[in-house]
Amino acid sequence: MQAGILDWASTTAVDLQPVLRTVAVTVAIVFVIYKAVQSKFSLGTIIVSALAAGIFVWLVFNVDQLSDTIGEDLPGSTSAPD
């Protein structure tokens, strides 16, 4: 029974990845628009919020690479399995 639950959870997580990435991109775009309206379209605020949103989206899309890099940098640790 426990193996079935773990398999289901793993499959569900893999299936949800594209949906969560789409949600992350949408949230980033809404964040930039919100900050632009809030600051009355101040160019500096738009640029900074766009950079923050870009970093957020980059982190969401490169989680595996980031965990491998962190795993390689930590002493005595191994990188994430492929």
PDB file of N, CA and C in Angstrom:
ATOM      1  N   MET A   1       0.820  -1.195   0.000  1.00  0.00           N
ATOM      2  CA  MET A   1       0.000   0.000   0.000  1.00  0.00           C
ATOM      3  C   MET A   1       0.863   1.258   0.000  1.00  0.00           C
ATOM      4  N   GLN A   2       1.927   1.269   0.821  1.00  0.00           N
ATOM      5  CA  GLN A   2       2.771   2.450   0.918  1.00  0.00           C
ATOM      6  C   GLN A   2       3.492   2.719  -0.401  1.00  0.00           C
ATOM      7  N   ALA A   3       3.950   1.669  -1.078  1.00  0.00           N
ATOM      8  CA  ALA A   3       4.624   1.855  -2.363  1.00  0.00           C
ATOM      9  C   ALA A   3       3.661   2.441  -3.389  1.00  0.00           C
ATOM     10  N   GLY A   4       2.408   2.049  -3.337  1.00  0.00           N
ATOM     11  CA  GLY A   4       1.410   2.596  -4.249  1.00  0.00           C
ATOM     12  C   GLY A   4       1.195   4.086  -4.031  1.00  0.00           C
ATOM     13  N   ILE A   5       1.193   4.502  -2.777  1.00  0.00           N
ATOM     14  CA  ILE A   5       1.011   5.920  -2.459  1.00  0.00           C
ATOM     15  C   ILE A   5       2.222   6.720  -2.925  1.00  0.00           C
ATOM     16  N   LEU A   6       3.418   6.179  -2.701  1.00  0.00           N
ATOM     17  CA  LEU A   6       4.627   6.884  -3.135  1.00  0.00           C
ATOM     18  C   LEU A   6       4.695   6.982  -4.655  1.00  0.00           C
ATOM     19  N   ASP A   7       4.323   5.914  -5.345  1.00  0.00           N
ATOM     20  CA  ASP A   7       4.297   5.960  -6.811  1.00  0.00           C
ATOM     21  C   ASP A   7       3.284   6.980  -7.304  1.00  0.00           C
ATOM     22  N   TRP A   8       2.112   7.002  -6.680  1.00  0.00           N
ATOM     23  CA  TRP A   8       1.078   7.964  -7.072  1.00  0.00           C
ATOM     24  C   TRP A   8       1.551   9.401  -6.832  1.00  0.00           C
ATOM     25  N   ALA A   9       2.181   9.639  -5.680  1.00  0.00           N
ATOM     26  CA  ALA A   9       2.660  10.984  -5.357  1.00  0.00           C
ATOM     27  C   ALA A   9       3.749  11.418  -6.332  1.00  0.00           C
ATOM     28  N   SER A  10       4.644  10.501  -6.666  1.00  0.00           N
ATOM     29  CA  SER A  10       5.714  10.820  -7.611  1.00  0.00           C
ATOM     30  C   SER A  10       5.158  11.120  -8.996  1.00  0.00           C
ATOM     31  N   THR A  11       4.239  10.291  -9.458  1.00  0.00           N
ATOM     32  CA  THR A  11       3.624  10.500 -10.773  1.00  0.00           C
ATOM     33  C   THR A  11       2.849  11.811 -10.809  1.00  0.00           C
ATOM     34  N   THR A  12       2.119  12.094  -9.748  1.00  0.00           N
ATOM     35  CA  THR A  12       1.347  13.336  -9.683  1.00  0.00           C
ATOM     36  C   THR A  12       2.269  14.549  -9.698  1.00  0.00           C
ATOM     37  N   ALA A  13       3.370  14.485  -8.971  1.00  0.00           N
ATOM     38  CA  ALA A  13       4.318  15.603  -8.946  1.00  0.00           C
ATOM     39  C   ALA A  13       4.918  15.846 -10.323  1.00  0.00           C
ATOM     40  N   VAL A  14       5.261  14.778 -11.030  1.00  0.00           N
ATOM     41  CA  VAL A  14       5.818  14.920 -12.379  1.00  0.00           C
ATOM     42  C   VAL A  14       4.771  15.488 -13.330  1.00  0.00           C
ATOM     43  N   ASP A  15       3.535  15.029 -13.201  1.00  0.00           N
ATOM     44  CA  ASP A  15       2.462  15.525 -14.068  1.00  0.00           C
ATOM     45  C   ASP A  15       2.125  16.988 -13.791  1.00  0.00           C
ATOM     46  N   LEU A  16       2.295  17.428 -12.558  1.00  0.00           N
ATOM     47  CA  LEU A  16       1.955  18.804 -12.194  1.00  0.00           C
ATOM     48  C   LEU A  16       3.046  19.815 -12.537  1.00  0.00           C
ATOM     49  N   GLN A  17       4.248  19.349 -12.853  1.00  0.00           N
ATOM     50  CA  GLN A  17       5.352  20.272 -13.127  1.00  0.00           C
ATOM     51  C   GLN A  17       5.037  21.288 -14.219  1.00  0.00           C
ATOM     52  N   PRO A  18       4.528  20.889 -15.386  1.00  0.00           N
ATOM     53  CA  PRO A  18       4.225  21.902 -16.411  1.00  0.00           C
ATOM     54  C   PRO A  18       3.156  22.902 -15.958  1.00  0.00           C
ATOM     55  N   VAL A  19       2.192  22.425 -15.196  1.00  0.00           N
ATOM     56  CA  VAL A  19       1.140  23.321 -14.703  1.00  0.00           C
ATOM     57  C   VAL A  19       1.732  24.338 -13.729  1.00  0.00           C
ATOM     58  N   LEU A  20       2.570  23.865 -12.821  1.00  0.00           N
ATOM     59  CA  LEU A  20       3.180  24.765 -11.848  1.00  0.00           C
ATOM     60  C   LEU A  20       4.118  25.763 -12.518  1.00  0.00           C
ATOM     61  N   ARG A  21       4.813  25.344 -13.561  1.00  0.00           N
ATOM     62  CA  ARG A  21       5.670  26.278 -14.301  1.00  0.00           C
ATOM     63  C   ARG A  21       4.835  27.348 -14.987  1.00  0.00           C
ATOM     64  N   THR A  22       3.699  26.952 -15.550  1.00  0.00           N
ATOM     65  CA  THR A  22       2.806  27.925 -16.184  1.00  0.00           C
ATOM     66  C   THR A  22       2.273  28.912 -15.151  1.00  0.00           C
ATOM     67  N   VAL A  23       1.916  28.406 -13.985  1.00  0.00           N
ATOM     68  CA  VAL A  23       1.438  29.276 -12.911  1.00  0.00           C
ATOM     69  C   VAL A  23       2.550  30.230 -12.469  1.00  0.00           C
ATOM     70  N   ALA A  24       3.779  29.746 -12.387  1.00  0.00           N
ATOM     71  CA  ALA A  24       4.897  30.597 -11.979  1.00  0.00           C
ATOM     72  C   ALA A  24       5.119  31.733 -12.970  1.00  0.00           C
ATOM     73  N   VAL A  25       5.054  31.442 -14.262  1.00  0.00           N
ATOM     74  CA  VAL A  25       5.220  32.482 -15.277  1.00  0.00           C
ATOM     75  C   VAL A  25       4.080  33.488 -15.183  1.00  0.00           C
ATOM     76  N   THR A  26       2.864  33.004 -14.997  1.00  0.00           N
ATOM     77  CA  THR A  26       1.708  33.899 -14.874  1.00  0.00           C
ATOM     78  C   THR A  26       1.839  34.795 -13.646  1.00  0.00           C
ATOM     79  N   VAL A  27       2.261  34.230 -12.530  1.00  0.00           N
ATOM     80  CA  VAL A  27       2.450  35.012 -11.307  1.00  0.00           C
ATOM     81  C   VAL A  27       3.532  36.068 -11.520  1.00  0.00           C
ATOM     82  N   ALA A  28       4.606  35.714 -12.210  1.00  0.00           N
ATOM     83  CA  ALA A  28       5.680  36.674 -12.469  1.00  0.00           C
ATOM     84  C   ALA A  28       5.183  37.838 -13.325  1.00  0.00           C
ATOM     85  N   ILE A  29       4.406  37.545 -14.345  1.00  0.00           N
ATOM     86  CA  ILE A  29       3.870  38.603 -15.213  1.00  0.00           C
ATOM     87  C   ILE A  29       2.912  39.500 -14.435  1.00  0.00           C
ATOM     88  N   VAL A  30       2.037  38.894 -13.645  1.00  0.00           N
ATOM     89  CA  VAL A  30       1.091  39.677 -12.842  1.00  0.00           C
ATOM     90  C   VAL A  30       1.839  40.537 -11.823  1.00  0.00           C
ATOM     91  N   PHE A  31       2.920  40.011 -11.257  1.00  0.00           N
ATOM     92  CA  PHE A  31       3.730  40.766 -10.305  1.00  0.00           C
ATOM     93  C   PHE A  31       4.314  42.015 -10.956  1.00  0.00           C
ATOM     94  N   VAL A  32       4.868  41.866 -12.157  1.00  0.00           N
ATOM     95  CA  VAL A  32       5.450  43.019 -12.856  1.00  0.00           C
ATOM     96  C   VAL A  32       4.366  44.046 -13.172  1.00  0.00           C
ATOM     97  N   ILE A  33       3.227  43.590 -13.648  1.00  0.00           N
ATOM     98  CA  ILE A  33       2.123  44.518 -13.957  1.00  0.00           C
ATOM     99  C   ILE A  33       1.637  45.215 -12.690  1.00  0.00           C
ATOM    100  N   TYR A  34       1.492  44.460 -11.609  1.00  0.00           N
ATOM    101  CA  TYR A  34       1.043  45.046 -10.343  1.00  0.00           C
ATOM    102  C   TYR A  34       2.014  46.119  -9.852  1.00  0.00           C
ATOM    103  N   LYS A  35       3.310  45.808  -9.871  1.00  0.00           N
ATOM    104  CA  LYS A  35       4.304  46.780  -9.415  1.00  0.00           C
ATOM    105  C   LYS A  35       4.340  47.999 -10.327  1.00  0.00           C
ATOM    106  N   ALA A  36       4.127  47.806 -11.621  1.00  0.00           N
ATOM    107  CA  ALA A  36       4.111  48.939 -12.550  1.00  0.00           C
ATOM    108  C   ALA A  36       2.941  49.862 -12.243  1.00  0.00           C
ATOM    109  N   VAL A  37       1.778  49.302 -12.028  1.00  0.00           N
ATOM    110  CA  VAL A  37       0.595  50.117 -11.726  1.00  0.00           C
ATOM    111  C   VAL A  37       0.743  50.781 -10.360  1.00  0.00           C
ATOM    112  N   GLN A  38       1.264  50.027  -9.392  1.00  0.00           N
ATOM    113  CA  GLN A  38       1.420  50.557  -8.043  1.00  0.00           C
ATOM    114  C   GLN A  38       2.383  51.748  -8.020  1.00  0.00           C
ATOM    115  N   SER A  39       3.431  51.700  -8.838  1.00  0.00           N
ATOM    116  CA  SER A  39       4.425  52.775  -8.855  1.00  0.00           C
ATOM    117  C   SER A  39       4.114  53.841  -9.898  1.00  0.00           C
ATOM    118  N   LYS A  40       2.925  53.792 -10.466  1.00  0.00           N
ATOM    119  CA  LYS A  40       2.499  54.736 -11.506  1.00  0.00           C
ATOM    120  C   LYS A  40       3.458  54.695 -12.696  1.00  0.00           C
ATOM    121  N   PHE A  41       3.819  53.484 -13.085  1.00  0.00           N
ATOM    122  CA  PHE A  41       4.640  53.192 -14.258  1.00  0.00           C
ATOM    123  C   PHE A  41       6.031  53.821 -14.189  1.00  0.00           C
ATOM    124  N   SER A  42       6.615  53.788 -13.003  1.00  0.00           N
ATOM    125  CA  SER A  42       7.992  54.241 -12.814  1.00  0.00           C
ATOM    126  C   SER A  42       8.933  53.232 -13.472  1.00  0.00           C
ATOM    127  N   LEU A  43       9.805  53.726 -14.342  1.00  0.00           N
ATOM    128  CA  LEU A  43      10.671  52.842 -15.124  1.00  0.00           C
ATOM    129  C   LEU A  43      11.600  52.014 -14.236  1.00  0.00           C
ATOM    130  N   GLY A  44      12.152  52.628 -13.194  1.00  0.00           N
ATOM    131  CA  GLY A  44      13.051  51.904 -12.297  1.00  0.00           C
ATOM    132  C   GLY A  44      12.367  50.741 -11.607  1.00  0.00           C
ATOM    133  N   THR A  45      11.163  50.969 -11.129  1.00  0.00           N
ATOM    134  CA  THR A  45      10.409  49.911 -10.457  1.00  0.00           C
ATOM    135  C   THR A  45      10.059  48.785 -11.419  1.00  0.00           C
ATOM    136  N   ILE A  46       9.706  49.150 -12.639  1.00  0.00           N
ATOM    137  CA  ILE A  46       9.373  48.130 -13.639  1.00  0.00           C
ATOM    138  C   ILE A  46      10.592  47.270 -13.946  1.00  0.00           C
ATOM    139  N   ILE A  47      11.754  47.898 -14.095  1.00  0.00           N
ATOM    140  CA  ILE A  47      12.977  47.145 -14.410  1.00  0.00           C
ATOM    141  C   ILE A  47      13.349  46.219 -13.260  1.00  0.00           C
ATOM    142  N   VAL A  48      13.318  46.730 -12.038  1.00  0.00           N
ATOM    143  CA  VAL A  48      13.684  45.905 -10.880  1.00  0.00           C
ATOM    144  C   VAL A  48      12.699  44.756 -10.689  1.00  0.00           C
ATOM    145  N   SER A  49      11.413  45.031 -10.833  1.00  0.00           N
ATOM    146  CA  SER A  49      10.431  43.954 -10.669  1.00  0.00           C
ATOM    147  C   SER A  49      10.534  42.936 -11.800  1.00  0.00           C
ATOM    148  N   ALA A  50      10.856  43.387 -13.011  1.00  0.00           N
ATOM    149  CA  ALA A  50      11.048  42.449 -14.124  1.00  0.00           C
ATOM    150  C   ALA A  50      12.274  41.568 -13.884  1.00  0.00           C
ATOM    151  N   LEU A  51      13.344  42.146 -13.354  1.00  0.00           N
ATOM    152  CA  LEU A  51      14.526  41.338 -13.023  1.00  0.00           C
ATOM    153  C   LEU A  51      14.208  40.317 -11.929  1.00  0.00           C
ATOM    154  N   ALA A  52      13.477  40.748 -10.904  1.00  0.00           N
ATOM    155  CA  ALA A  52      13.098  39.823  -9.829  1.00  0.00           C
ATOM    156  C   ALA A  52      12.211  38.706 -10.369  1.00  0.00           C
ATOM    157  N   ALA A  53      11.268  39.059 -11.226  1.00  0.00           N
ATOM    158  CA  ALA A  53      10.390  38.048 -11.820  1.00  0.00           C
ATOM    159  C   ALA A  53      11.185  37.099 -12.712  1.00  0.00           C
ATOM    160  N   GLY A  54      12.141  37.632 -13.451  1.00  0.00           N
ATOM    161  CA  GLY A  54      12.982  36.790 -14.303  1.00  0.00           C
ATOM    162  C   GLY A  54      13.808  35.802 -13.500  1.00  0.00           C
ATOM    163  N   ILE A  55      14.366  36.250 -12.388  1.00  0.00           N
ATOM    164  CA  ILE A  55      15.136  35.352 -11.522  1.00  0.00           C
ATOM    165  C   ILE A  55      14.225  34.273 -10.943  1.00  0.00           C
ATOM    166  N   PHE A  56      13.021  34.665 -10.533  1.00  0.00           N
ATOM    167  CA  PHE A  56      12.052  33.701 -10.002  1.00  0.00           C
ATOM    168  C   PHE A  56      11.718  32.631 -11.040  1.00  0.00           C
ATOM    169  N   VAL A  57      11.419  33.053 -12.267  1.00  0.00           N
ATOM    170  CA  VAL A  57      11.080  32.098 -13.331  1.00  0.00           C
ATOM    171  C   VAL A  57      12.283  31.217 -13.649  1.00  0.00           C
ATOM    172  N   TRP A  58      13.485  31.801 -13.686  1.00  0.00           N
ATOM    173  CA  TRP A  58      14.692  31.019 -13.961  1.00  0.00           C
ATOM    174  C   TRP A  58      14.892  29.954 -12.880  1.00  0.00           C
ATOM    175  N   LEU A  59      14.685  30.318 -11.620  1.00  0.00           N
ATOM    176  CA  LEU A  59      14.826  29.340 -10.536  1.00  0.00           C
ATOM    177  C   LEU A  59      13.793  28.229 -10.649  1.00  0.00           C
ATOM    178  N   VAL A  60      12.568  28.581 -11.013  1.00  0.00           N
ATOM    179  CA  VAL A  60      11.517  27.567 -11.150  1.00  0.00           C
ATOM    180  C   VAL A  60      11.857  26.580 -12.264  1.00  0.00           C
ATOM    181  N   PHE A  61      12.363  27.072 -13.385  1.00  0.00           N
ATOM    182  CA  PHE A  61      12.651  26.205 -14.519  1.00  0.00           C
ATOM    183  C   PHE A  61      13.966  25.439 -14.359  1.00  0.00           C
ATOM    184  N   ASN A  62      14.849  25.865 -13.456  1.00  0.00           N
ATOM    185  CA  ASN A  62      16.160  25.226 -13.323  1.00  0.00           C
ATOM    186  C   ASN A  62      16.394  24.658 -11.935  1.00  0.00           C
ATOM    187  N   VAL A  63      15.356  24.156 -11.298  1.00  0.00           N
ATOM    188  CA  VAL A  63      15.482  23.606  -9.953  1.00  0.00           C
ATOM    189  C   VAL A  63      16.441  22.417  -9.929  1.00  0.00           C
ATOM    190  N   ASP A  64      16.369  21.531 -10.916  1.00  0.00           N
ATOM    191  CA  ASP A  64      17.251  20.358 -10.941  1.00  0.00           C
ATOM    192  C   ASP A  64      18.708  20.774 -11.060  1.00  0.00           C
ATOM    193  N   GLN A  65      18.993  21.697 -11.954  1.00  0.00           N
ATOM    194  CA  GLN A  65      20.369  22.165 -12.133  1.00  0.00           C
ATOM    195  C   GLN A  65      20.864  22.854 -10.866  1.00  0.00           C
ATOM    196  N   LEU A  66      20.005  23.637 -10.230  1.00  0.00           N
ATOM    197  CA  LEU A  66      20.380  24.337  -9.012  1.00  0.00           C
ATOM    198  C   LEU A  66      20.682  23.348  -7.889  1.00  0.00           C
ATOM    199  N   SER A  67      19.868  22.312  -7.739  1.00  0.00           N
ATOM    200  CA  SER A  67      20.116  21.330  -6.680  1.00  0.00           C
ATOM    201  C   SER A  67      21.383  20.530  -6.957  1.00  0.00           C
ATOM    202  N   ASP A  68      21.674  20.244  -8.229  1.00  0.00           N
ATOM    203  CA  ASP A  68      22.924  19.566  -8.569  1.00  0.00           C
ATOM    204  C   ASP A  68      24.123  20.442  -8.227  1.00  0.00           C
ATOM    205  N   THR A  69      24.043  21.725  -8.541  1.00  0.00           N
ATOM    206  CA  THR A  69      25.144  22.647  -8.266  1.00  0.00           C
ATOM    207  C   THR A  69      25.371  22.781  -6.770  1.00  0.00           C
ATOM    208  N   ILE A  70      24.312  22.913  -6.007  1.00  0.00           N
ATOM    209  CA  ILE A  70      24.444  23.029  -4.558  1.00  0.00           C
ATOM    210  C   ILE A  70      24.985  21.732  -3.986  1.00  0.00           C
ATOM    211  N   GLY A  71      24.518  20.595  -4.492  1.00  0.00           N
ATOM    212  CA  GLY A  71      24.999  19.305  -4.016  1.00  0.00           C
ATOM    213  C   GLY A  71      26.473  19.094  -4.292  1.00  0.00           C
ATOM    214  N   GLU A  72      26.954  19.592  -5.430  1.00  0.00           N
ATOM    215  CA  GLU A  72      28.370  19.459  -5.760  1.00  0.00           C
ATOM    216  C   GLU A  72      29.228  20.370  -4.896  1.00  0.00           C
ATOM    217  N   ASP A  73      28.691  21.506  -4.466  1.00  0.00           N
ATOM    218  CA  ASP A  73      29.463  22.468  -3.689  1.00  0.00           C
ATOM    219  C   ASP A  73      29.561  22.105  -2.214  1.00  0.00           C
ATOM    220  N   LEU A  74      28.599  21.350  -1.702  1.00  0.00           N
ATOM    221  CA  LEU A  74      28.622  20.996  -0.293  1.00  0.00           C
ATOM    222  C   LEU A  74      29.605  19.857  -0.053  1.00  0.00           C
ATOM    223  N   PRO A  75      30.438  19.964   0.977  1.00  0.00           N
ATOM    224  CA  PRO A  75      31.411  18.901   1.246  1.00  0.00           C
ATOM    225  C   PRO A  75      30.724  17.619   1.714  1.00  0.00           C
ATOM    226  N   GLY A  76      31.146  16.494   1.158  1.00  0.00           N
ATOM    227  CA  GLY A  76      30.628  15.202   1.571  1.00  0.00           C
ATOM    228  C   GLY A  76      29.250  14.874   1.054  1.00  0.00           C
ATOM    229  N   SER A  77      28.737  15.670   0.141  1.00  0.00           N
ATOM    230  CA  SER A  77      27.400  15.400  -0.377  1.00  0.00           C
ATOM    231  C   SER A  77      27.493  14.903  -1.807  1.00  0.00           C
ATOM    232  N   THR A  78      26.412  14.308  -2.260  1.00  0.00           N
ATOM    233  CA  THR A  78      26.349  13.839  -3.641  1.00  0.00           C
ATOM    234  C   THR A  78      25.312  14.650  -4.386  1.00  0.00           C
ATOM    235  N   SER A  79      25.428  14.685  -5.703  1.00  0.00           N
ATOM    236  CA  SER A  79      24.447  15.420  -6.494  1.00  0.00           C
ATOM    237  C   SER A  79      23.155  14.625  -6.581  1.00  0.00           C
ATOM    238  N   ALA A  80      22.099  15.298  -6.989  1.00  0.00           N
ATOM    239  CA  ALA A  80      20.787  14.663  -7.094  1.00  0.00           C
ATOM    240  C   ALA A  80      20.824  13.566  -8.148  1.00  0.00           C
ATOM    241  N   PRO A  81      20.117  12.452  -7.913  1.00  0.00           N
ATOM    242  CA  PRO A  81      20.108  11.373  -8.910  1.00  0.00           C
ATOM    243  C   PRO A  81      19.380  11.807 -10.173  1.00  0.00           C
ATOM    244  N   ASP A  82      19.813  11.255 -11.301  1.00  0.00           N
ATOM    245  CA  ASP A  82      19.199  11.613 -12.587  1.00  0.00           C
ATOM    246  C   ASP A  82      17.915  10.893 -12.810  1.00  0.00           C
TER     247      ASP A  82
END
